[in-house]
Protein backbone atom coordinates (compact mmCIF):
# COMPACT_ATOMS: atom_id res chain seq x y z
CA ALA A 1 -6.35 -7.91 2.13
CA MET A 2 -8.35 -10.97 1.09
CA TYR A 3 -10.93 -10.44 3.85
CA LEU A 4 -11.11 -6.78 2.96
CA PHE A 5 -11.76 -7.29 -0.75
CA PHE A 6 -14.05 -10.26 -0.17
CA GLY A 7 -16.05 -8.09 2.24
CA TYR A 8 -16.26 -5.27 -0.28
CA TYR A 9 -17.57 -7.74 -2.84
CA MET A 10 -20.07 -9.45 -0.53
CA GLY A 11 -21.23 -6.19 1.08
CA ASN A 12 -21.66 -4.49 -2.28
CA PHE A 13 -19.26 -1.69 -1.29
CA TRP A 14 -17.70 -1.36 -4.71
CA ARG A 15 -16.78 2.32 -4.56
CA ILE A 16 -14.38 2.10 -1.63
CA GLY A 17 -13.03 -1.26 -2.78
CA THR A 18 -12.25 0.11 -6.22
CA VAL A 19 -10.48 3.16 -4.80
CA VAL A 20 -8.35 1.05 -2.44
CA ALA A 21 -7.40 -1.35 -5.25
CA PHE A 22 -6.53 1.53 -7.59
CA LEU A 23 -4.34 3.21 -4.95
CA HIS A 24 -2.39 -0.01 -4.52
CA ASP A 25 -1.95 -0.59 -8.25
CA ILE A 26 -0.32 2.80 -8.86
CA ALA A 27 2.64 2.18 -6.53
CA ASP A 28 2.90 -1.49 -7.49
CA ALA A 29 3.72 -0.57 -11.09
CA PHE A 30 6.86 1.32 -10.06
CA MET A 31 7.93 -1.22 -7.45
CA LEU A 32 7.54 -4.15 -9.82
CA ALA A 33 9.46 -2.28 -12.51
CA SER A 34 12.33 -1.65 -10.10
CA LYS A 35 12.24 -5.29 -9.02
CA ALA A 36 12.42 -6.47 -12.62
CA LEU A 37 15.18 -4.01 -13.49
CA SER A 38 17.22 -5.00 -10.43
CA GLU A 39 18.31 -8.16 -12.27
CA THR A 40 19.78 -6.13 -15.14
CA HIS A 41 22.74 -3.79 -15.45
CA PHE A 42 20.49 -0.69 -15.59
CA SER A 43 21.22 0.44 -12.05
CA ASN A 44 20.33 4.12 -12.61
CA THR A 45 16.97 3.23 -14.10
CA THR A 46 16.35 0.79 -11.27
CA ALA A 47 17.15 3.44 -8.66
CA THR A 48 14.92 5.98 -10.42
CA CYS A 49 11.99 3.54 -10.51
CA PHE A 50 12.54 2.64 -6.86
CA ILE A 51 12.73 6.23 -5.63
CA THR A 52 9.71 7.20 -7.74
CA GLY A 53 7.90 4.18 -6.35
CA MET A 54 8.72 5.28 -2.82
CA PHE A 55 7.23 8.73 -3.43
CA VAL A 56 4.13 7.25 -5.05
CA TRP A 57 3.89 4.67 -2.24
CA PHE A 58 4.06 7.42 0.38
CA TYR A 59 1.44 9.57 -1.31
CA THR A 60 -1.08 6.84 -2.21
CA ARG A 61 -0.70 4.44 0.72
CA LEU A 62 0.43 6.65 3.59
CA TYR A 63 -1.44 9.84 2.76
CA VAL A 64 -4.47 9.19 0.55
CA LEU A 65 -5.47 5.86 2.15
CA PRO A 66 -5.68 7.07 5.76
CA TYR A 67 -6.71 10.69 5.18
CA GLU A 68 -9.17 10.12 2.39
CA CYS A 69 -10.41 6.51 2.55
CA ILE A 70 -10.30 5.71 6.26
CA TYR A 71 -11.28 9.21 7.39
CA LEU A 72 -14.24 9.32 5.02
CA ALA A 73 -15.29 5.81 6.05
CA VAL A 74 -15.38 6.90 9.70
CA TYR A 75 -17.00 10.31 9.37
CA GLN A 76 -19.04 10.27 6.18
CA THR A 77 -22.70 9.44 6.66
CA ILE A 78 -24.14 7.13 4.07
CA GLU A 79 -27.79 6.38 3.43
CA ILE A 80 -27.87 2.68 4.21
CA GLY A 81 -31.30 1.55 3.11
CA VAL A 82 -31.21 -2.25 2.85
CA HIS A 83 -27.89 -2.82 4.69
CA MET A 84 -29.01 -3.68 8.23
CA HIS A 85 -25.59 -4.78 9.48
CA PHE A 86 -23.73 -1.93 7.80
CA GLU A 87 -22.45 -0.37 11.02
CA MET A 88 -20.69 -3.58 12.13
CA ALA A 89 -19.30 -4.16 8.64
CA LYS A 90 -18.19 -0.54 8.41
CA TRP A 91 -16.07 -0.81 11.58
CA GLY A 92 -14.69 -4.15 10.42
CA PHE A 93 -13.56 -2.56 7.15
CA ILE A 94 -12.07 0.39 9.01
CA TYR A 95 -10.13 -2.02 11.22
CA LEU A 96 -8.81 -3.96 8.22
CA LEU A 97 -7.89 -0.74 6.38
CA SER A 98 -6.06 0.46 9.49
CA CYS A 99 -4.12 -2.82 9.68
CA MET A 100 -3.24 -2.43 6.02
CA PHE A 101 -2.04 1.12 6.70
CA MET A 102 0.24 -0.14 9.49
CA LEU A 103 1.74 -2.72 7.13
CA HIS A 104 2.33 -0.01 4.54
CA ALA A 105 4.13 2.13 7.12
CA PHE A 106 6.31 -0.84 8.13
CA TRP A 107 7.18 -1.60 4.50
CA PHE A 108 7.98 2.05 3.86
CA VAL A 109 10.51 1.93 6.70
CA MET A 110 11.97 -1.18 5.07
CA PHE A 111 12.35 0.79 1.82
CA PHE A 112 14.36 3.41 3.66
CA LYS A 113 16.57 0.67 5.07
CA ILE A 114 17.15 -0.63 1.54
CA VAL A 115 18.14 2.86 0.36
CA ALA A 116 20.44 3.32 3.39
CA LYS A 117 22.10 -0.04 2.76
CA PHE A 118 22.58 0.88 -0.89
CA ALA A 119 24.17 4.19 0.12
CA ARG A 120 26.58 2.38 2.48
CA THR A 121 27.49 -0.75 0.50
CA GLY A 122 26.45 -0.14 -3.10
CA LYS A 123 24.13 -3.18 -3.03
CA ALA A 124 20.39 -2.81 -2.74
CA ASN A 125 18.65 -5.74 -1.12
CA ASP A 126 16.42 -6.23 1.87
CA SER A 127 18.33 -9.05 3.52
CA TYR A 128 20.56 -8.39 6.47
CA THR A 129 22.54 -11.61 6.33
CA THR A 130 26.07 -11.71 5.07
CA ASN A 131 27.25 -14.28 2.57
CA ALA A 132 30.23 -16.30 3.79
């Protein structure tokens, strides 16, 4: 993520960088709220924030990011002008965005495991160790 945003800044690709950052901030608000509420006795509110965060995460990071941002980066033609090394930078950004998408898919699977563990045991955490 650091290489990606540093590259957006240095390459003057603000539009795509801003969209990617905005997409990440939307889901983060719900996930951070559920994380903060998990230390309180408001379990229903925590579960609501977490489930809402999962839906927002799916839509913004697993639908909009690959089908809007990555797809448009690959197939949209842009008038380059002064950017001589744009083609190499473009494919580097697409690679980094694709890696980020894979991480999002992995984390989304982890969210489902958290929900499944909560359904089985009544405790929602992401660790699979047992306390002795």
